[in-house]
PDB file of all heavy atoms in Angstrom:
ATOM      1  N   ARG A   1       0.818  -1.135   0.049  1.00  0.00           N
ATOM      2  CA  ARG A   1      -0.020  -0.009  -0.002  1.00  0.00           C
ATOM      3  C   ARG A   1       0.836   1.252   0.030  1.00  0.00           C
ATOM      4  O   ARG A   1       0.502   2.193  -0.602  1.00  0.00           O
ATOM      5  CB  ARG A   1      -0.870   0.071   1.186  1.00  0.00           C
ATOM      6  CG  ARG A   1      -1.912  -1.076   1.282  1.00  0.00           C
ATOM      7  CD  ARG A   1      -2.730  -1.267   0.078  1.00  0.00           C
ATOM      8  NE  ARG A   1      -3.508  -0.180  -0.397  1.00  0.00           N
ATOM      9  CZ  ARG A   1      -4.773  -0.014  -0.245  1.00  0.00           C
ATOM     10  NH1 ARG A   1      -5.533  -0.883   0.416  1.00  0.00           N
ATOM     11  NH2 ARG A   1      -5.451   0.970  -0.765  1.00  0.00           N
ATOM     12  N   TYR A   2       2.033   1.187   0.714  1.00  0.00           N
ATOM     13  CA  TYR A   2       2.893   2.387   0.714  1.00  0.00           C
ATOM     14  C   TYR A   2       3.422   2.637  -0.680  1.00  0.00           C
ATOM     15  O   TYR A   2       3.539   3.878  -1.036  1.00  0.00           O
ATOM     16  CB  TYR A   2       4.110   1.938   1.633  1.00  0.00           C
ATOM     17  CG  TYR A   2       5.255   2.963   1.589  1.00  0.00           C
ATOM     18  CD1 TYR A   2       5.145   4.240   2.043  1.00  0.00           C
ATOM     19  CD2 TYR A   2       6.480   2.578   1.066  1.00  0.00           C
ATOM     20  CE1 TYR A   2       6.180   5.145   2.070  1.00  0.00           C
ATOM     21  CE2 TYR A   2       7.570   3.483   0.999  1.00  0.00           C
ATOM     22  CZ  TYR A   2       7.379   4.724   1.585  1.00  0.00           C
ATOM     23  OH  TYR A   2       8.473   5.620   1.492  1.00  0.00           O
ATOM     24  N   ARG A   3       3.701   1.731  -1.499  1.00  0.00           N
ATOM     25  CA  ARG A   3       4.202   1.931  -2.825  1.00  0.00           C
ATOM     26  C   ARG A   3       3.231   2.438  -3.863  1.00  0.00           C
ATOM     27  O   ARG A   3       3.565   2.894  -4.912  1.00  0.00           O
ATOM     28  CB  ARG A   3       4.842   0.628  -3.298  1.00  0.00           C
ATOM     29  CG  ARG A   3       6.091   0.166  -2.621  1.00  0.00           C
ATOM     30  CD  ARG A   3       6.592  -1.194  -3.133  1.00  0.00           C
ATOM     31  NE  ARG A   3       6.835  -1.208  -4.480  1.00  0.00           N
ATOM     32  CZ  ARG A   3       7.939  -0.858  -5.053  1.00  0.00           C
ATOM     33  NH1 ARG A   3       9.005  -0.406  -4.322  1.00  0.00           N
ATOM     34  NH2 ARG A   3       8.158  -0.922  -6.446  1.00  0.00           N
ATOM     35  N   GLU A   4       1.909   2.307  -3.537  1.00  0.00           N
ATOM     36  CA  GLU A   4       0.943   2.787  -4.483  1.00  0.00           C
ATOM     37  C   GLU A   4       0.898   4.259  -4.607  1.00  0.00           C
ATOM     38  O   GLU A   4       1.377   5.080  -3.739  1.00  0.00           O
ATOM     39  CB  GLU A   4      -0.484   2.306  -4.007  1.00  0.00           C
ATOM     40  CG  GLU A   4      -0.624   0.824  -4.081  1.00  0.00           C
ATOM     41  CD  GLU A   4      -1.941   0.357  -3.468  1.00  0.00           C
ATOM     42  OE1 GLU A   4      -2.753   1.162  -3.004  1.00  0.00           O
ATOM     43  OE2 GLU A   4      -2.210  -0.875  -3.457  1.00  0.00           O
ATOM     44  N   LYS A   5       0.303   4.764  -5.667  1.00  0.00           N
ATOM     45  CA  LYS A   5       0.206   6.211  -5.978  1.00  0.00           C
ATOM     46  C   LYS A   5      -1.141   6.729  -5.985  1.00  0.00           C
ATOM     47  O   LYS A   5      -1.414   7.918  -6.393  1.00  0.00           O
ATOM     48  CB  LYS A   5       0.916   6.477  -7.360  1.00  0.00           C
ATOM     49  CG  LYS A   5       2.297   5.946  -7.500  1.00  0.00           C
ATOM     50  CD  LYS A   5       3.285   6.672  -6.522  1.00  0.00           C
ATOM     51  CE  LYS A   5       4.704   6.165  -6.787  1.00  0.00           C
ATOM     52  NZ  LYS A   5       5.643   6.681  -5.807  1.00  0.00           N
ATOM     53  N   ARG A   6      -2.119   5.939  -5.575  1.00  0.00           N
ATOM     54  CA  ARG A   6      -3.517   6.370  -5.638  1.00  0.00           C
ATOM     55  C   ARG A   6      -3.814   7.586  -4.791  1.00  0.00           C
ATOM     56  O   ARG A   6      -4.786   8.352  -5.012  1.00  0.00           O
ATOM     57  CB  ARG A   6      -4.468   5.265  -5.204  1.00  0.00           C
ATOM     58  CG  ARG A   6      -4.351   4.852  -3.714  1.00  0.00           C
ATOM     59  CD  ARG A   6      -5.403   3.797  -3.425  1.00  0.00           C
ATOM     60  NE  ARG A   6      -5.096   2.508  -4.003  1.00  0.00           N
ATOM     61  CZ  ARG A   6      -5.952   1.484  -4.101  1.00  0.00           C
ATOM     62  NH1 ARG A   6      -7.065   1.553  -3.517  1.00  0.00           N
ATOM     63  NH2 ARG A   6      -5.620   0.414  -4.734  1.00  0.00           N
ATOM     64  N   TYR A   7      -2.931   7.913  -3.803  1.00  0.00           N
ATOM     65  CA  TYR A   7      -3.160   9.096  -2.932  1.00  0.00           C
ATOM     66  C   TYR A   7      -3.141  10.405  -3.757  1.00  0.00           C
ATOM     67  O   TYR A   7      -3.715  11.368  -3.431  1.00  0.00           O
ATOM     68  CB  TYR A   7      -2.132   9.128  -1.853  1.00  0.00           C
ATOM     69  CG  TYR A   7      -0.727   9.603  -2.274  1.00  0.00           C
ATOM     70  CD1 TYR A   7      -0.321  10.878  -2.234  1.00  0.00           C
ATOM     71  CD2 TYR A   7       0.082   8.679  -2.846  1.00  0.00           C
ATOM     72  CE1 TYR A   7       0.915  11.245  -2.680  1.00  0.00           C
ATOM     73  CE2 TYR A   7       1.434   9.008  -3.255  1.00  0.00           C
ATOM     74  CZ  TYR A   7       1.774  10.350  -3.183  1.00  0.00           C
ATOM     75  OH  TYR A   7       3.055  10.738  -3.590  1.00  0.00           O
ATOM     76  N   ARG A   8      -2.486  10.384  -4.911  1.00  0.00           N
ATOM     77  CA  ARG A   8      -2.313  11.509  -5.755  1.00  0.00           C
ATOM     78  C   ARG A   8      -3.686  11.970  -6.357  1.00  0.00           C
ATOM     79  O   ARG A   8      -3.836  13.117  -6.861  1.00  0.00           O
ATOM     80  CB  ARG A   8      -1.252  11.327  -6.809  1.00  0.00           C
ATOM     81  CG  ARG A   8       0.138  11.094  -6.374  1.00  0.00           C
ATOM     82  CD  ARG A   8       1.143  10.862  -7.398  1.00  0.00           C
ATOM     83  NE  ARG A   8       2.527  10.799  -6.847  1.00  0.00           N
ATOM     84  CZ  ARG A   8       3.553  10.379  -7.555  1.00  0.00           C
ATOM     85  NH1 ARG A   8       3.399  10.100  -8.842  1.00  0.00           N
ATOM     86  NH2 ARG A   8       4.719  10.372  -7.011  1.00  0.00           N
ATOM     87  N   GLU A   9      -4.720  11.042  -6.397  1.00  0.00           N
ATOM     88  CA  GLU A   9      -5.916  11.465  -6.988  1.00  0.00           C
ATOM     89  C   GLU A   9      -6.642  12.425  -6.125  1.00  0.00           C
ATOM     90  O   GLU A   9      -7.382  13.293  -6.595  1.00  0.00           O
ATOM     91  CB  GLU A   9      -6.868  10.113  -7.100  1.00  0.00           C
ATOM     92  CG  GLU A   9      -6.237   9.143  -8.084  1.00  0.00           C
ATOM     93  CD  GLU A   9      -7.043   7.836  -8.030  1.00  0.00           C
ATOM     94  OE1 GLU A   9      -8.113   7.827  -7.375  1.00  0.00           O
ATOM     95  OE2 GLU A   9      -6.609   6.843  -8.638  1.00  0.00           O
ATOM     96  N   SER A  10      -6.420  12.398  -4.746  1.00  0.00           N
ATOM     97  CA  SER A  10      -7.144  13.285  -3.810  1.00  0.00           C
ATOM     98  C   SER A  10      -6.230  14.078  -2.921  1.00  0.00           C
ATOM     99  O   SER A  10      -6.599  15.099  -2.367  1.00  0.00           O
ATOM    100  CB  SER A  10      -8.175  12.451  -2.963  1.00  0.00           C
ATOM    101  OG  SER A  10      -9.025  11.763  -3.731  1.00  0.00           O
ATOM    102  N   PHE A  11      -4.983  13.582  -2.841  1.00  0.00           N
ATOM    103  CA  PHE A  11      -4.047  14.182  -1.888  1.00  0.00           C
ATOM    104  C   PHE A  11      -2.726  14.581  -2.565  1.00  0.00           C
ATOM    105  O   PHE A  11      -1.695  14.540  -1.883  1.00  0.00           O
ATOM    106  CB  PHE A  11      -3.807  13.313  -0.666  1.00  0.00           C
ATOM    107  CG  PHE A  11      -4.964  12.915   0.135  1.00  0.00           C
ATOM    108  CD1 PHE A  11      -5.518  11.681  -0.079  1.00  0.00           C
ATOM    109  CD2 PHE A  11      -5.497  13.786   1.010  1.00  0.00           C
ATOM    110  CE1 PHE A  11      -6.644  11.264   0.685  1.00  0.00           C
ATOM    111  CE2 PHE A  11      -6.672  13.454   1.758  1.00  0.00           C
ATOM    112  CZ  PHE A  11      -7.152  12.188   1.591  1.00  0.00           C
ATOM    113  N   ALA A  12      -2.744  14.961  -3.798  1.00  0.00           N
ATOM    114  CA  ALA A  12      -1.514  15.253  -4.502  1.00  0.00           C
ATOM    115  C   ALA A  12      -0.720  16.420  -3.831  1.00  0.00           C
ATOM    116  O   ALA A  12       0.527  16.476  -3.968  1.00  0.00           O
ATOM    117  CB  ALA A  12      -1.831  15.555  -5.976  1.00  0.00           C
ATOM    118  N   TRP A  13      -1.442  17.289  -3.170  1.00  0.00           N
ATOM    119  CA  TRP A  13      -0.832  18.474  -2.533  1.00  0.00           C
ATOM    120  C   TRP A  13       0.184  18.158  -1.413  1.00  0.00           C
ATOM    121  O   TRP A  13       1.000  18.991  -1.133  1.00  0.00           O
ATOM    122  CB  TRP A  13      -1.863  19.419  -2.040  1.00  0.00           C
ATOM    123  CG  TRP A  13      -2.943  18.773  -1.192  1.00  0.00           C
ATOM    124  CD1 TRP A  13      -4.099  18.260  -1.607  1.00  0.00           C
ATOM    125  CD2 TRP A  13      -2.887  18.601   0.182  1.00  0.00           C
ATOM    126  NE1 TRP A  13      -4.744  17.692  -0.548  1.00  0.00           N
ATOM    127  CE2 TRP A  13      -4.033  17.929   0.569  1.00  0.00           C
ATOM    128  CE3 TRP A  13      -1.909  18.897   1.208  1.00  0.00           C
ATOM    129  CZ2 TRP A  13      -4.329  17.612   1.924  1.00  0.00           C
ATOM    130  CZ3 TRP A  13      -2.172  18.578   2.520  1.00  0.00           C
ATOM    131  CH2 TRP A  13      -3.392  17.982   2.850  1.00  0.00           C
ATOM    132  N   VAL A  14       0.026  16.899  -0.916  1.00  0.00           N
ATOM    133  CA  VAL A  14       0.959  16.575   0.172  1.00  0.00           C
ATOM    134  C   VAL A  14       2.441  16.476  -0.250  1.00  0.00           C
ATOM    135  O   VAL A  14       3.308  16.473   0.565  1.00  0.00           O
ATOM    136  CB  VAL A  14       0.580  15.256   0.858  1.00  0.00           C
ATOM    137  CG1 VAL A  14      -0.907  15.249   1.422  1.00  0.00           C
ATOM    138  CG2 VAL A  14       0.736  14.035  -0.064  1.00  0.00           C
ATOM    139  N   ASP A  15       2.621  16.361  -1.559  1.00  0.00           N
ATOM    140  CA  ASP A  15       3.994  16.199  -2.040  1.00  0.00           C
ATOM    141  C   ASP A  15       4.611  17.582  -2.309  1.00  0.00           C
ATOM    142  O   ASP A  15       5.842  17.756  -2.559  1.00  0.00           O
ATOM    143  CB  ASP A  15       4.088  15.509  -3.416  1.00  0.00           C
ATOM    144  CG  ASP A  15       3.695  14.096  -3.284  1.00  0.00           C
ATOM    145  OD1 ASP A  15       3.929  13.514  -2.205  1.00  0.00           O
ATOM    146  OD2 ASP A  15       3.233  13.368  -4.196  1.00  0.00           O
ATOM    147  N   HIS A  16       3.838  18.709  -2.042  1.00  0.00           N
ATOM    148  CA  HIS A  16       4.372  19.999  -2.301  1.00  0.00           C
ATOM    149  C   HIS A  16       5.380  20.439  -1.236  1.00  0.00           C
ATOM    150  O   HIS A  16       6.408  21.151  -1.596  1.00  0.00           O
ATOM    151  CB  HIS A  16       3.189  21.101  -2.358  1.00  0.00           C
ATOM    152  CG  HIS A  16       2.275  20.834  -3.458  1.00  0.00           C
ATOM    153  ND1 HIS A  16       1.085  21.484  -3.502  1.00  0.00           N
ATOM    154  CD2 HIS A  16       2.293  20.018  -4.554  1.00  0.00           C
ATOM    155  CE1 HIS A  16       0.404  21.136  -4.570  1.00  0.00           C
ATOM    156  NE2 HIS A  16       1.116  20.199  -5.246  1.00  0.00           N
ATOM    157  N   ILE A  17       5.160  20.049  -0.008  1.00  0.00           N
ATOM    158  CA  ILE A  17       6.030  20.402   1.064  1.00  0.00           C
ATOM    159  C   ILE A  17       6.371  19.152   1.891  1.00  0.00           C
ATOM    160  O   ILE A  17       5.443  18.314   2.221  1.00  0.00           O
ATOM    161  CB  ILE A  17       5.446  21.464   2.051  1.00  0.00           C
ATOM    162  CG1 ILE A  17       4.930  22.632   1.282  1.00  0.00           C
ATOM    163  CG2 ILE A  17       6.399  21.866   3.139  1.00  0.00           C
ATOM    164  CD1 ILE A  17       4.169  23.622   2.157  1.00  0.00           C
ATOM    165  N   ALA A  18       7.656  18.932   2.211  1.00  0.00           N
ATOM    166  CA  ALA A  18       8.024  17.777   2.967  1.00  0.00           C
ATOM    167  C   ALA A  18       8.990  18.142   4.040  1.00  0.00           C
ATOM    168  O   ALA A  18       9.825  19.097   3.885  1.00  0.00           O
ATOM    169  CB  ALA A  18       8.701  16.717   2.045  1.00  0.00           C
ATOM    170  N   ALA A  19       8.904  17.510   5.129  1.00  0.00           N
ATOM    171  CA  ALA A  19       9.868  17.793   6.289  1.00  0.00           C
ATOM    172  C   ALA A  19      11.091  16.888   6.198  1.00  0.00           C
ATOM    173  O   ALA A  19      11.003  15.736   5.843  1.00  0.00           O
ATOM    174  CB  ALA A  19       9.143  17.533   7.649  1.00  0.00           C
ATOM    175  N   VAL A  20      12.247  17.452   6.422  1.00  0.00           N
ATOM    176  CA  VAL A  20      13.436  16.703   6.530  1.00  0.00           C
ATOM    177  C   VAL A  20      13.864  16.337   7.886  1.00  0.00           C
ATOM    178  O   VAL A  20      13.867  17.278   8.709  1.00  0.00           O
ATOM    179  CB  VAL A  20      14.627  17.523   5.795  1.00  0.00           C
ATOM    180  CG1 VAL A  20      15.938  16.699   5.973  1.00  0.00           C
ATOM    181  CG2 VAL A  20      14.397  17.854   4.419  1.00  0.00           C
ATOM    182  N   LYS A  21      13.860  15.043   8.246  1.00  0.00           N
ATOM    183  CA  LYS A  21      14.102  14.606   9.608  1.00  0.00           C
ATOM    184  C   LYS A  21      15.331  13.842   9.824  1.00  0.00           C
ATOM    185  O   LYS A  21      15.836  13.659  10.963  1.00  0.00           O
ATOM    186  CB  LYS A  21      12.848  13.781  10.153  1.00  0.00           C
ATOM    187  CG  LYS A  21      11.549  14.534  10.031  1.00  0.00           C
ATOM    188  CD  LYS A  21      10.411  13.669  10.531  1.00  0.00           C
ATOM    189  CE  LYS A  21       9.107  14.418  10.431  1.00  0.00           C
ATOM    190  NZ  LYS A  21       7.996  13.505  10.887  1.00  0.00           N
ATOM    191  N   ASP A  22      15.966  13.345   8.745  1.00  0.00           N
ATOM    192  CA  ASP A  22      17.213  12.579   8.816  1.00  0.00           C
ATOM    193  C   ASP A  22      18.269  13.441   9.270  1.00  0.00           C
ATOM    194  O   ASP A  22      18.603  14.479   8.724  1.00  0.00           O
ATOM    195  CB  ASP A  22      17.511  11.911   7.452  1.00  0.00           C
ATOM    196  CG  ASP A  22      18.755  11.057   7.602  1.00  0.00           C
ATOM    197  OD1 ASP A  22      18.650  10.012   8.090  1.00  0.00           O
ATOM    198  OD2 ASP A  22      19.872  11.584   7.264  1.00  0.00           O
ATOM    199  N   PRO A  23      18.922  13.070  10.418  1.00  0.00           N
ATOM    200  CA  PRO A  23      20.043  14.010  11.007  1.00  0.00           C
ATOM    201  C   PRO A  23      21.173  14.166  10.047  1.00  0.00           C
ATOM    202  O   PRO A  23      21.685  15.304  10.033  1.00  0.00           O
ATOM    203  CB  PRO A  23      20.489  13.164  12.210  1.00  0.00           C
ATOM    204  CG  PRO A  23      19.333  12.279  12.627  1.00  0.00           C
ATOM    205  CD  PRO A  23      18.702  11.974  11.323  1.00  0.00           C
ATOM    206  N   ARG A  24      21.476  13.257   9.185  1.00  0.00           N
ATOM    207  CA  ARG A  24      22.656  13.533   8.256  1.00  0.00           C
ATOM    208  C   ARG A  24      22.216  14.446   7.195  1.00  0.00           C
ATOM    209  O   ARG A  24      22.986  15.304   6.739  1.00  0.00           O
ATOM    210  CB  ARG A  24      23.027  12.211   7.628  1.00  0.00           C
ATOM    211  CG  ARG A  24      23.703  11.241   8.680  1.00  0.00           C
ATOM    212  CD  ARG A  24      23.940   9.847   8.068  1.00  0.00           C
ATOM    213  NE  ARG A  24      22.673   9.155   7.842  1.00  0.00           N
ATOM    214  CZ  ARG A  24      22.517   7.866   7.402  1.00  0.00           C
ATOM    215  NH1 ARG A  24      23.627   7.228   7.080  1.00  0.00           N
ATOM    216  NH2 ARG A  24      21.404   7.406   7.162  1.00  0.00           N
ATOM    217  N   THR A  25      21.009  14.331   6.712  1.00  0.00           N
ATOM    218  CA  THR A  25      20.567  15.309   5.702  1.00  0.00           C
ATOM    219  C   THR A  25      20.396  16.668   6.304  1.00  0.00           C
ATOM    220  O   THR A  25      20.681  17.673   5.649  1.00  0.00           O
ATOM    221  CB  THR A  25      19.153  14.867   5.100  1.00  0.00           C
ATOM    222  OG1 THR A  25      19.263  13.532   4.643  1.00  0.00           O
ATOM    223  CG2 THR A  25      18.738  15.749   3.977  1.00  0.00           C
ATOM    224  N   ILE A  26      19.869  16.749   7.511  1.00  0.00           N
ATOM    225  CA  ILE A  26      19.761  18.033   8.196  1.00  0.00           C
ATOM    226  C   ILE A  26      21.171  18.737   8.371  1.00  0.00           C
ATOM    227  O   ILE A  26      21.305  19.925   8.034  1.00  0.00           O
ATOM    228  CB  ILE A  26      19.110  17.964   9.551  1.00  0.00           C
ATOM    229  CG1 ILE A  26      17.638  17.574   9.357  1.00  0.00           C
ATOM    230  CG2 ILE A  26      19.201  19.233  10.338  1.00  0.00           C
ATOM    231  CD1 ILE A  26      16.951  17.207  10.613  1.00  0.00           C
ATOM    232  N   ALA A  27      22.170  17.964   8.730  1.00  0.00           N
ATOM    233  CA  ALA A  27      23.531  18.485   8.904  1.00  0.00           C
ATOM    234  C   ALA A  27      24.047  19.025   7.514  1.00  0.00           C
ATOM    235  O   ALA A  27      24.715  20.087   7.440  1.00  0.00           O
ATOM    236  CB  ALA A  27      24.351  17.363   9.484  1.00  0.00           C
ATOM    237  N   ALA A  28      23.812  18.245   6.475  1.00  0.00           N
ATOM    238  CA  ALA A  28      24.332  18.687   5.227  1.00  0.00           C
ATOM    239  C   ALA A  28      23.564  19.937   4.689  1.00  0.00           C
ATOM    240  O   ALA A  28      24.329  20.852   4.137  1.00  0.00           O
ATOM    241  CB  ALA A  28      24.065  17.580   4.130  1.00  0.00           C
ATOM    242  N   LEU A  29      22.351  20.066   4.960  1.00  0.00           N
ATOM    243  CA  LEU A  29      21.599  21.293   4.631  1.00  0.00           C
ATOM    244  C   LEU A  29      22.085  22.521   5.467  1.00  0.00           C
ATOM    245  O   LEU A  29      22.204  23.575   4.941  1.00  0.00           O
ATOM    246  CB  LEU A  29      20.096  21.102   4.782  1.00  0.00           C
ATOM    247  CG  LEU A  29      19.419  20.113   3.793  1.00  0.00           C
ATOM    248  CD1 LEU A  29      17.991  19.858   4.196  1.00  0.00           C
ATOM    249  CD2 LEU A  29      19.538  20.654   2.359  1.00  0.00           C
ATOM    250  N   ASP A  30      22.254  22.255   6.765  1.00  0.00           N
ATOM    251  CA  ASP A  30      22.797  23.339   7.590  1.00  0.00           C
ATOM    252  C   ASP A  30      24.162  23.883   7.090  1.00  0.00           C
ATOM    253  O   ASP A  30      24.390  25.055   6.996  1.00  0.00           O
ATOM    254  CB  ASP A  30      22.965  22.801   9.035  1.00  0.00           C
ATOM    255  CG  ASP A  30      21.666  22.715   9.723  1.00  0.00           C
ATOM    256  OD1 ASP A  30      20.667  23.245   9.227  1.00  0.00           O
ATOM    257  OD2 ASP A  30      21.597  22.052  10.783  1.00  0.00           O
ATOM    258  N   GLU A  31      25.028  22.934   6.675  1.00  0.00           N
ATOM    259  CA  GLU A  31      26.334  23.283   6.079  1.00  0.00           C
ATOM    260  C   GLU A  31      26.173  24.136   4.850  1.00  0.00           C
ATOM    261  O   GLU A  31      26.872  25.096   4.670  1.00  0.00           O
ATOM    262  CB  GLU A  31      27.169  22.053   5.844  1.00  0.00           C
ATOM    263  CG  GLU A  31      27.613  21.374   7.123  1.00  0.00           C
ATOM    264  CD  GLU A  31      28.416  20.108   6.815  1.00  0.00           C
ATOM    265  OE1 GLU A  31      28.658  19.837   5.663  1.00  0.00           O
ATOM    266  OE2 GLU A  31      28.809  19.342   7.761  1.00  0.00           O
ATOM    267  N   ALA A  32      25.175  23.762   4.005  1.00  0.00           N
ATOM    268  CA  ALA A  32      24.949  24.496   2.779  1.00  0.00           C
ATOM    269  C   ALA A  32      24.502  25.967   3.110  1.00  0.00           C
ATOM    270  O   ALA A  32      24.884  26.888   2.417  1.00  0.00           O
ATOM    271  CB  ALA A  32      23.922  23.772   1.889  1.00  0.00           C
ATOM    272  N   VAL A  33      23.616  26.074   4.110  1.00  0.00           N
ATOM    273  CA  VAL A  33      23.141  27.334   4.479  1.00  0.00           C
ATOM    274  C   VAL A  33      24.309  28.213   5.043  1.00  0.00           C
ATOM    275  O   VAL A  33      24.482  29.419   4.634  1.00  0.00           O
ATOM    276  CB  VAL A  33      22.034  27.276   5.593  1.00  0.00           C
ATOM    277  CG1 VAL A  33      21.717  28.684   6.162  1.00  0.00           C
ATOM    278  CG2 VAL A  33      20.829  26.636   4.996  1.00  0.00           C
ATOM    279  N   VAL A  34      25.088  27.699   5.870  1.00  0.00           N
ATOM    280  CA  VAL A  34      26.303  28.421   6.394  1.00  0.00           C
ATOM    281  C   VAL A  34      27.252  28.846   5.280  1.00  0.00           C
ATOM    282  O   VAL A  34      27.682  30.006   5.248  1.00  0.00           O
ATOM    283  CB  VAL A  34      27.058  27.502   7.444  1.00  0.00           C
ATOM    284  CG1 VAL A  34      28.328  28.216   7.831  1.00  0.00           C
ATOM    285  CG2 VAL A  34      26.190  27.296   8.649  1.00  0.00           C
ATOM    286  N   ALA A  35      27.457  28.023   4.330  1.00  0.00           N
ATOM    287  CA  ALA A  35      28.293  28.245   3.205  1.00  0.00           C
ATOM    288  C   ALA A  35      27.804  29.469   2.433  1.00  0.00           C
ATOM    289  O   ALA A  35      28.570  30.381   1.980  1.00  0.00           O
ATOM    290  CB  ALA A  35      28.565  27.086   2.346  1.00  0.00           C
ATOM    291  N   ARG A  36      26.490  29.456   2.224  1.00  0.00           N
ATOM    292  CA  ARG A  36      25.879  30.543   1.417  1.00  0.00           C
ATOM    293  C   ARG A  36      25.895  31.919   2.202  1.00  0.00           C
ATOM    294  O   ARG A  36      26.108  32.968   1.630  1.00  0.00           O
ATOM    295  CB  ARG A  36      24.448  30.189   1.038  1.00  0.00           C
ATOM    296  CG  ARG A  36      24.388  29.123  -0.014  1.00  0.00           C
ATOM    297  CD  ARG A  36      23.000  29.039  -0.653  1.00  0.00           C
ATOM    298  NE  ARG A  36      23.003  28.102  -1.731  1.00  0.00           N
ATOM    299  CZ  ARG A  36      21.971  27.917  -2.630  1.00  0.00           C
ATOM    300  NH1 ARG A  36      21.004  28.829  -2.537  1.00  0.00           N
ATOM    301  NH2 ARG A  36      21.993  27.093  -3.580  1.00  0.00           N
ATOM    302  N   LEU A  37      25.682  31.778   3.507  1.00  0.00           N
ATOM    303  CA  LEU A  37      25.729  32.974   4.399  1.00  0.00           C
ATOM    304  C   LEU A  37      27.192  33.628   4.294  1.00  0.00           C
ATOM    305  O   LEU A  37      27.371  34.810   4.197  1.00  0.00           O
ATOM    306  CB  LEU A  37      25.421  32.673   5.821  1.00  0.00           C
ATOM    307  CG  LEU A  37      23.883  32.324   6.123  1.00  0.00           C
ATOM    308  CD1 LEU A  37      23.705  31.824   7.519  1.00  0.00           C
ATOM    309  CD2 LEU A  37      23.094  33.551   5.790  1.00  0.00           C
ATOM    310  N   ARG A  38      28.189  32.720   4.404  1.00  0.00           N
ATOM    311  CA  ARG A  38      29.551  33.215   4.338  1.00  0.00           C
ATOM    312  C   ARG A  38      29.995  33.811   3.051  1.00  0.00           C
ATOM    313  O   ARG A  38      30.703  34.757   2.917  1.00  0.00           O
ATOM    314  CB  ARG A  38      30.486  32.054   4.701  1.00  0.00           C
ATOM    315  CG  ARG A  38      30.477  31.663   6.122  1.00  0.00           C
ATOM    316  CD  ARG A  38      31.413  30.409   6.442  1.00  0.00           C
ATOM    317  NE  ARG A  38      31.448  30.122   7.811  1.00  0.00           N
ATOM    318  CZ  ARG A  38      31.936  29.000   8.343  1.00  0.00           C
ATOM    319  NH1 ARG A  38      32.415  28.015   7.416  1.00  0.00           N
ATOM    320  NH2 ARG A  38      31.975  28.752   9.599  1.00  0.00           N
ATOM    321  N   ALA A  39      29.260  33.296   1.910  1.00  0.00           N
ATOM    322  CA  ALA A  39      29.564  33.771   0.663  1.00  0.00           C
ATOM    323  C   ALA A  39      28.743  34.940   0.281  1.00  0.00           C
ATOM    324  O   ALA A  39      28.855  35.564  -0.780  1.00  0.00           O
ATOM    325  CB  ALA A  39      29.285  32.685  -0.443  1.00  0.00           C
ATOM    326  N   GLY A  40      27.845  35.303   1.151  1.00  0.00           N
ATOM    327  CA  GLY A  40      26.943  36.522   0.981  1.00  0.00           C
ATOM    328  C   GLY A  40      25.826  36.197   0.063  1.00  0.00           C
ATOM    329  O   GLY A  40      25.215  37.080  -0.538  1.00  0.00           O
ATOM    330  N   ASP A  41      25.562  34.949  -0.171  1.00  0.00           N
ATOM    331  CA  ASP A  41      24.525  34.479  -1.171  1.00  0.00           C
ATOM    332  C   ASP A  41      23.219  34.250  -0.450  1.00  0.00           C
ATOM    333  O   ASP A  41      22.886  33.154   0.003  1.00  0.00           O
ATOM    334  CB  ASP A  41      24.970  33.162  -1.910  1.00  0.00           C
ATOM    335  CG  ASP A  41      24.001  32.737  -2.998  1.00  0.00           C
ATOM    336  OD1 ASP A  41      22.979  33.495  -3.243  1.00  0.00           O
ATOM    337  OD2 ASP A  41      24.247  31.726  -3.563  1.00  0.00           O
TER     338      ASP A  41
END
């Protein structure tokens, strides 16, 4: 049931925003933000 795509018929909007919870991914994103701040971007 998890692999099915039928949810997109009525709940396609749930794919518009997603939370990142994996600690390693969060750390990588934090590093990317810091790098852009330092670069003035």
